[in-house]
C-alpha cells in the first residue's frame, strides 16, 4: 500500500470485562477463577477465546485512541501521531506515559517489547491487506490476539463499538456516543434550513502534488462522514469502486477539477489542526482552476480541521470545527 494513502496503520485493541466471582472460596481462589475465565469473541481473524477480565492489554493503531478513551487496562501501545491533535489533554497525558511497543505502521511491531510487558490480550486493528505485515503466530505465542480492522472511513463507529465491547467498556462507549449525538442534534438543528438545498463537494488531503492529482471525497469518507451526520449533502460518487476507502474517494488530475466540482453549491476542504492546508491541499487552492469554481467564487469554500476522527470523543472536535466552518452560511 502506498504511504500516501490512509488506512496504512495497524491497530491493536484489548478487551476487559468485569466478572463478579461467586462462591465461598478464599480471595486467592477467586482471583484464580477470574484469571482463568474466558469468552469467545468474534473478530476479523475468527472466533477467538479471550480472557473475560484481561488485566494487561496491548493496543496498537486505531485501537489506541479508542482504548485510551475507554480507560482500558493498557500496558503498551503503538505510536499514534495522526491522532494526537484530536486527543483531550487527559488522553494525551495517558498516551505519553504508556509504554510504546510498536511504531506507526504494522511493520514496526516490536515483538520483544510486547512480550516484555506481559500482556494477557493483544487485539490488532489493521485492514486485511496490512495484516500480512504482522506476524500473528508470533503474537499468539505471547497472548490471545483479536483483529478488528478498519474498512470504509465511516466505519469507525461500529469498529470503535466492537473495540469497546472487547475491552469491556461499552458503558464508556455509550456515554461518549450519547454526547456526540446530542451535539449533532444541536448543530444540525442550527443549520438544517440553510443546508437542505445545498449540494456539497469535498477536497481531501491526500492528493499527490508530484503527479498533479487532487483528492475528491464523497459521502462516507474521512472529510465528509461527520458532516453527513449534520445534514450536509455530498453529491456524486466515485467512478469505479475499489473497496474500502476507494469506495468513497478518488484521485484525479488537476485538469478535471472544474468538472469534478461543477455542481457544488459549496465545498468543504481538509486543513491541518492549526488551520493551514497541507501541501496537497495548498497545491489545489493556489490553482486558478480552483479559484474559478462557482462555489469558490461565491465565497462558499470552507476549511475544516480534525477530519480524521475515529472515536466519538475526537469527533466532538470535528463537530466544533464544522460548526465554525459553516457559520458564514447563516449570514448569507
Protein backbone atom coordinates (compact mmCIF):
# COMPACT_ATOMS: atom_id res chain seq x y z
CA UNK A 1 0.00 0.00 0.00
CA UNK A 2 1.30 3.44 -0.89
CA UNK A 3 2.33 5.58 2.07
CA UNK A 4 0.24 8.45 0.69
CA UNK A 5 -2.96 6.54 1.18
CA UNK A 6 -4.57 6.31 4.64
CA UNK A 7 -5.51 3.04 6.36
CA UNK A 8 -1.85 2.10 6.37
CA UNK A 9 -1.69 1.97 10.13
CA UNK A 10 -2.24 -1.21 12.01
CA UNK A 11 -4.31 -1.17 15.14
CA UNK A 12 -4.46 -3.48 18.07
CA UNK A 13 -7.10 -3.47 20.71
CA UNK A 14 -7.62 -5.01 24.06
CA UNK A 15 -10.59 -6.20 25.93
CA UNK A 16 -11.67 -6.17 29.53
CA UNK A 17 -14.96 -7.25 31.04
CA UNK A 18 -15.60 -7.36 34.77
CA UNK A 19 -16.51 -10.69 36.29
CA UNK A 20 -18.16 -10.99 39.67
CA UNK A 21 -16.82 -14.11 41.28
CA UNK A 22 -19.17 -16.14 43.45
CA UNK A 23 -18.66 -18.88 45.96
CA UNK A 24 -17.20 -19.24 49.42
CA UNK A 25 -13.54 -19.79 48.50
CA UNK A 26 -10.67 -17.60 49.55
CA UNK A 27 -9.72 -14.35 47.80
CA UNK A 28 -6.83 -16.13 46.10
CA UNK A 29 -9.18 -18.73 44.69
CA UNK A 30 -11.47 -16.03 43.37
CA UNK A 31 -8.55 -14.30 41.70
CA UNK A 32 -7.55 -17.53 40.01
CA UNK A 33 -11.10 -18.06 38.79
CA UNK A 34 -11.17 -14.54 37.35
CA UNK A 35 -7.90 -15.04 35.54
CA UNK A 36 -8.96 -18.35 34.02
CA UNK A 37 -12.41 -17.18 32.87
CA UNK A 38 -12.68 -16.78 29.11
CA UNK A 39 -15.22 -15.92 26.47
CA UNK A 40 -15.45 -16.22 22.70
CA UNK A 41 -15.10 -13.00 20.74
CA UNK A 42 -15.90 -12.73 17.03
CA UNK A 43 -13.12 -10.88 15.25
CA UNK A 44 -11.73 -10.46 11.76
CA UNK A 45 -9.45 -13.43 12.40
CA UNK A 46 -12.23 -15.74 13.59
CA UNK A 47 -13.86 -16.66 16.88
CA UNK A 48 -11.10 -16.08 19.41
CA UNK A 49 -11.05 -17.25 23.01
CA UNK A 50 -10.04 -14.30 25.14
CA UNK A 51 -9.84 -13.54 28.87
CA UNK A 52 -13.10 -12.33 30.32
CA UNK A 53 -11.24 -9.89 32.51
CA UNK A 54 -7.86 -9.07 30.93
CA UNK A 55 -5.55 -7.14 33.19
CA UNK A 56 -2.65 -6.34 30.85
CA UNK A 57 -3.66 -5.15 27.38
CA UNK A 58 -1.58 -4.11 24.40
CA UNK A 59 -3.22 -1.84 21.80
CA UNK A 60 -1.81 -0.57 18.52
CA UNK A 61 -3.07 1.52 15.62
CA UNK A 62 -6.72 2.52 15.50
CA UNK A 63 -7.37 0.85 18.84
CA UNK A 64 -5.06 3.24 20.67
CA UNK A 65 -7.38 6.26 20.93
CA UNK A 66 -10.44 4.07 21.47
CA UNK A 67 -8.97 2.18 24.39
CA UNK A 68 -7.31 5.19 25.95
CA UNK A 69 -10.69 6.93 25.98
CA UNK A 70 -12.31 3.75 27.32
CA UNK A 71 -9.85 3.61 30.23
CA UNK A 72 -8.83 0.06 29.31
CA UNK A 73 -6.13 -1.80 31.25
CA UNK A 74 -3.37 -0.81 28.86
CA UNK A 75 0.26 -1.76 29.44
CA UNK A 76 1.56 -0.97 25.96
CA UNK A 77 0.51 0.84 22.80
CA UNK A 78 1.81 1.78 19.38
CA UNK A 79 2.54 5.36 18.49
CA UNK A 80 -0.48 7.19 17.04
CA UNK A 81 0.89 10.53 15.77
CA UNK A 82 -2.01 11.32 13.46
CA UNK A 83 -4.45 11.30 16.36
CA UNK A 84 -2.53 13.42 18.87
CA UNK A 85 -4.10 16.75 17.81
CA UNK A 86 -7.55 15.26 18.40
CA UNK A 87 -6.87 13.99 21.93
CA UNK A 88 -8.10 15.67 25.07
CA UNK A 89 -5.40 16.85 27.49
CA UNK A 90 -6.14 13.91 29.78
CA UNK A 91 -5.97 11.35 26.98
CA UNK A 92 -2.79 12.93 25.62
CA UNK A 93 -1.18 12.57 29.05
CA UNK A 94 -2.18 8.90 29.16
CA UNK A 95 -0.83 8.38 25.65
CA UNK A 96 2.50 9.94 26.51
CA UNK A 97 3.11 7.87 29.64
CA UNK A 98 2.18 4.46 28.20
CA UNK A 99 4.95 2.13 27.03
CA UNK A 100 5.34 2.27 23.24
CA UNK A 101 5.66 -1.26 21.88
CA UNK A 102 5.16 -0.53 18.19
CA UNK A 103 5.60 2.26 15.68
CA UNK A 104 3.07 3.96 13.43
CA UNK A 105 2.85 1.11 10.92
CA UNK A 106 2.11 -2.58 11.22
CA UNK A 107 5.63 -3.39 10.02
CA UNK A 108 7.04 -1.54 13.05
CA UNK A 109 5.60 -4.00 15.56
CA UNK A 110 8.20 -4.72 18.25
CA UNK A 111 7.52 -8.30 19.33
CA UNK A 112 10.17 -8.31 22.04
CA UNK A 113 8.73 -5.13 23.57
CA UNK A 114 5.23 -6.61 23.51
CA UNK A 115 6.42 -9.78 25.22
CA UNK A 116 8.27 -7.70 27.82
CA UNK A 117 5.07 -6.00 29.06
CA UNK A 118 3.48 -9.45 29.57
CA UNK A 119 0.04 -8.81 28.06
CA UNK A 120 -2.80 -11.22 28.57
CA UNK A 121 -4.54 -9.90 25.47
CA UNK A 122 -3.49 -8.37 22.12
CA UNK A 123 -6.03 -7.17 19.58
CA UNK A 124 -4.94 -5.99 16.14
CA UNK A 125 -6.99 -3.47 14.16
CA UNK A 126 -5.31 -3.44 10.78
CA UNK A 127 -7.10 -3.76 7.44
CA UNK A 128 -6.78 -7.12 5.74
CA UNK A 129 -4.10 -6.05 3.20
CA UNK A 130 -1.84 -4.82 6.00
CA UNK A 131 -2.36 -7.81 8.28
CA UNK A 132 0.32 -9.62 6.30
CA UNK A 133 2.85 -7.21 7.80
CA UNK A 134 2.14 -8.60 11.27
CA UNK A 135 3.45 -11.95 12.49
CA UNK A 136 0.19 -13.15 14.03
CA UNK A 137 1.59 -16.53 15.04
CA UNK A 138 4.38 -14.87 16.97
CA UNK A 139 1.93 -12.61 18.76
CA UNK A 140 -0.31 -15.57 19.54
CA UNK A 141 2.63 -17.18 21.31
CA UNK A 142 2.56 -14.20 23.69
CA UNK A 143 -1.19 -13.74 24.29
CA UNK A 144 -4.56 -14.20 22.58
CA UNK A 145 -4.86 -11.97 19.52
CA UNK A 146 -8.03 -10.30 18.25
CA UNK A 147 -8.07 -8.43 14.94
CA UNK A 148 -10.62 -5.68 14.29
CA UNK A 149 -9.57 -3.84 11.16
CA UNK A 150 -10.78 -0.62 9.56
CA UNK A 151 -12.76 -0.79 6.32
CA UNK A 152 -14.54 2.30 4.99
CA UNK A 153 -13.59 5.57 6.71
CA UNK A 154 -17.06 6.00 8.23
CA UNK A 155 -16.99 2.50 9.74
CA UNK A 156 -15.12 3.80 12.82
CA UNK A 157 -18.46 3.99 14.65
CA UNK A 158 -19.06 0.24 14.58
CA UNK A 159 -15.38 -0.65 14.91
CA UNK A 160 -14.94 1.52 17.99
CA UNK A 161 -18.05 -0.08 19.46
CA UNK A 162 -16.56 -3.54 18.86
CA UNK A 163 -13.27 -2.46 20.37
CA UNK A 164 -15.01 -1.00 23.40
CA UNK A 165 -17.09 -4.16 23.78
CA UNK A 166 -13.96 -6.28 23.60
CA UNK A 167 -12.41 -4.10 26.27
CA UNK A 168 -15.47 -4.42 28.49
CA UNK A 169 -16.09 -0.70 28.21
CA UNK A 170 -19.45 -0.46 26.47
CA UNK A 171 -20.75 1.86 29.18
CA UNK A 172 -17.94 4.30 28.41
CA UNK A 173 -18.66 3.94 24.70
CA UNK A 174 -22.37 4.65 25.12
CA UNK A 175 -21.65 7.74 27.20
CA UNK A 176 -19.41 9.29 24.54
CA UNK A 177 -21.79 8.22 21.77
CA UNK A 178 -24.66 10.00 23.52
CA UNK A 179 -22.56 13.14 23.94
CA UNK A 180 -21.77 13.08 20.25
CA UNK A 181 -25.37 12.51 19.21
CA UNK A 182 -26.54 15.32 21.46
CA UNK A 183 -24.11 17.76 19.84
CA UNK A 184 -25.07 16.51 16.37
CA UNK A 185 -28.71 17.27 17.11
CA UNK A 186 -27.87 20.72 18.41
CA UNK A 187 -25.74 21.72 15.41
CA UNK A 188 -27.94 20.09 12.77
CA UNK A 189 -30.96 21.98 14.12
CA UNK A 190 -28.96 25.16 13.77
CA UNK A 191 -28.10 24.58 10.11
CA UNK A 192 -30.96 22.49 8.74
CA UNK A 193 -32.66 25.35 6.91
CA UNK A 194 -29.50 26.51 5.11
CA UNK A 195 -28.18 23.03 4.31
CA UNK A 196 -31.30 21.41 2.91
CA UNK A 197 -30.95 22.83 -0.61
CA UNK A 198 -27.16 22.82 -0.99
CA UNK A 199 -25.01 20.28 -2.79
CA UNK A 200 -21.51 19.98 -1.34
CA UNK A 201 -18.20 18.67 -2.60
CA UNK A 202 -15.10 17.94 -0.50
CA UNK A 203 -11.43 18.39 -1.29
CA UNK A 204 -9.40 15.85 0.68
CA UNK A 205 -5.85 15.97 1.99
CA UNK A 206 -4.31 13.00 0.19
CA UNK A 207 -3.67 14.31 -3.30
CA UNK A 208 -0.27 13.94 -4.93
CA UNK A 209 1.41 17.21 -5.90
CA UNK A 210 4.15 15.47 -7.86
CA UNK A 211 1.59 13.69 -10.02
CA UNK A 212 -0.65 16.72 -10.37
CA UNK A 213 -3.56 14.97 -8.65
CA UNK A 214 -6.24 16.19 -6.25
CA UNK A 215 -8.23 14.13 -3.78
CA UNK A 216 -12.04 14.21 -4.06
CA UNK A 217 -14.02 12.76 -1.16
CA UNK A 218 -17.67 11.72 -1.30
CA UNK A 219 -20.17 10.87 1.43
CA UNK A 220 -18.73 8.35 3.91
CA UNK A 221 -15.09 9.39 3.51
CA UNK A 222 -12.70 10.89 6.09
CA UNK A 223 -13.52 14.51 5.49
CA UNK A 224 -17.25 14.04 4.98
CA UNK A 225 -18.69 11.41 7.29
CA UNK A 226 -19.16 13.61 10.37
CA UNK A 227 -20.55 16.44 8.24
CA UNK A 228 -23.09 14.00 6.80
CA UNK A 229 -24.37 13.43 10.33
CA UNK A 230 -25.15 17.15 10.44
CA UNK A 231 -27.18 17.02 7.24
CA UNK A 232 -24.52 18.13 4.76
CA UNK A 233 -25.28 16.53 1.40
CA UNK A 234 -22.26 15.48 -0.64
CA UNK A 235 -23.26 14.75 -4.21
CA UNK A 236 -21.76 12.27 -6.64
CA UNK A 237 -19.79 9.05 -6.24
CA UNK A 238 -16.52 7.52 -7.34
CA UNK A 239 -16.20 6.48 -10.97
CA UNK A 240 -15.18 2.95 -10.00
CA UNK A 241 -15.39 1.43 -6.53
CA UNK A 242 -12.23 -0.29 -5.39
CA UNK A 243 -13.18 -1.41 -1.89
CA UNK A 244 -12.60 0.31 1.45
CA UNK A 245 -11.71 3.99 1.14
CA UNK A 246 -11.70 3.63 -2.66
CA UNK A 247 -15.49 3.26 -2.48
CA UNK A 248 -15.86 6.84 -1.26
CA UNK A 249 -12.86 8.83 -2.54
CA UNK A 250 -10.81 9.10 -5.70
CA UNK A 251 -7.73 10.79 -7.14
CA UNK A 252 -7.97 12.78 -10.36
CA UNK A 253 -5.79 15.01 -12.49
CA UNK A 254 -5.95 18.70 -11.57
CA UNK A 255 -7.34 19.37 -15.05
CA UNK A 256 -10.50 17.53 -14.00
CA UNK A 257 -11.13 19.89 -11.09
CA UNK A 258 -13.74 22.08 -12.85
CA UNK A 259 -15.80 19.10 -13.98
CA UNK A 260 -15.50 17.36 -10.61
CA UNK A 261 -16.85 20.30 -8.60
CA UNK A 262 -19.04 21.95 -11.26
CA UNK A 263 -22.31 21.14 -9.49
CA UNK A 264 -21.14 22.05 -5.99
CA UNK A 265 -23.05 24.89 -4.34
CA UNK A 266 -20.45 24.76 -1.56
CA UNK A 267 -17.16 22.96 -0.90
CA UNK A 268 -15.51 21.84 2.30
CA UNK A 269 -11.80 21.10 2.32
CA UNK A 270 -9.46 19.49 4.80
CA UNK A 271 -6.87 21.56 6.67
CA UNK A 272 -4.44 20.68 9.44
CA UNK A 273 -5.16 21.16 13.14
CA UNK A 274 -3.63 24.66 13.08
CA UNK A 275 -5.90 25.67 10.21
CA UNK A 276 -3.23 25.64 7.50
CA UNK A 277 -3.58 23.45 4.40
CA UNK A 278 -1.17 20.59 3.81
CA UNK A 279 0.88 20.75 0.62
CA UNK A 280 -1.56 18.59 -1.36
CA UNK A 281 -4.43 20.93 -0.48
CA UNK A 282 -2.46 24.15 -0.92
CA UNK A 283 -1.50 22.95 -4.39
CA UNK A 284 -5.18 22.96 -5.33
CA UNK A 285 -6.10 26.17 -3.50
CA UNK A 286 -3.36 28.06 -5.35
CA UNK A 287 -4.52 26.83 -8.75
CA UNK A 288 -6.60 29.13 -10.97
CA UNK A 289 -8.94 26.24 -11.73
CA UNK A 290 -9.90 26.17 -8.04
CA UNK A 291 -10.30 29.94 -7.82
CA UNK A 292 -12.72 29.87 -10.74
CA UNK A 293 -15.01 27.18 -9.33
CA UNK A 294 -18.57 28.54 -8.87
CA UNK A 295 -18.65 27.66 -5.15
CA UNK A 296 -15.28 29.31 -4.52
CA UNK A 297 -16.22 32.47 -6.41
CA UNK A 298 -19.44 32.60 -4.37
CA UNK A 299 -17.44 32.52 -1.12
CA UNK A 300 -18.68 29.06 -0.19
CA UNK A 301 -15.42 27.15 0.29
CA UNK A 302 -14.99 26.19 3.93
CA UNK A 303 -11.81 24.84 5.61
CA UNK A 304 -12.34 22.04 8.13
CA UNK A 305 -9.69 20.64 10.53
CA UNK A 306 -9.97 17.42 12.55
CA UNK A 307 -11.40 15.37 9.69
CA UNK A 308 -9.83 12.05 10.70
CA UNK A 309 -11.86 11.25 13.80
CA UNK A 310 -12.01 7.56 14.70
CA UNK A 311 -13.76 7.88 18.07
CA UNK A 312 -16.83 9.74 19.29
CA UNK A 313 -14.73 11.90 21.59
CA UNK A 314 -12.43 13.03 18.78
CA UNK A 315 -15.45 13.53 16.53
CA UNK A 316 -16.72 16.14 19.00
CA UNK A 317 -13.78 18.27 17.84
CA UNK A 318 -14.82 17.68 14.25
CA UNK A 319 -18.33 18.86 15.06
CA UNK A 320 -17.00 22.05 16.64
CA UNK A 321 -14.81 22.63 13.58
CA UNK A 322 -17.74 22.15 11.22
CA UNK A 323 -19.92 24.46 13.28
CA UNK A 324 -17.30 27.19 12.95
CA UNK A 325 -16.65 26.48 9.26
CA UNK A 326 -20.29 26.56 8.21
CA UNK A 327 -21.21 29.66 10.23
CA UNK A 328 -21.00 32.01 7.19
CA UNK A 329 -23.98 30.16 5.68
CA UNK A 330 -26.16 31.56 8.44
CA UNK A 331 -25.19 35.09 7.42
CA UNK A 332 -25.93 34.76 3.72
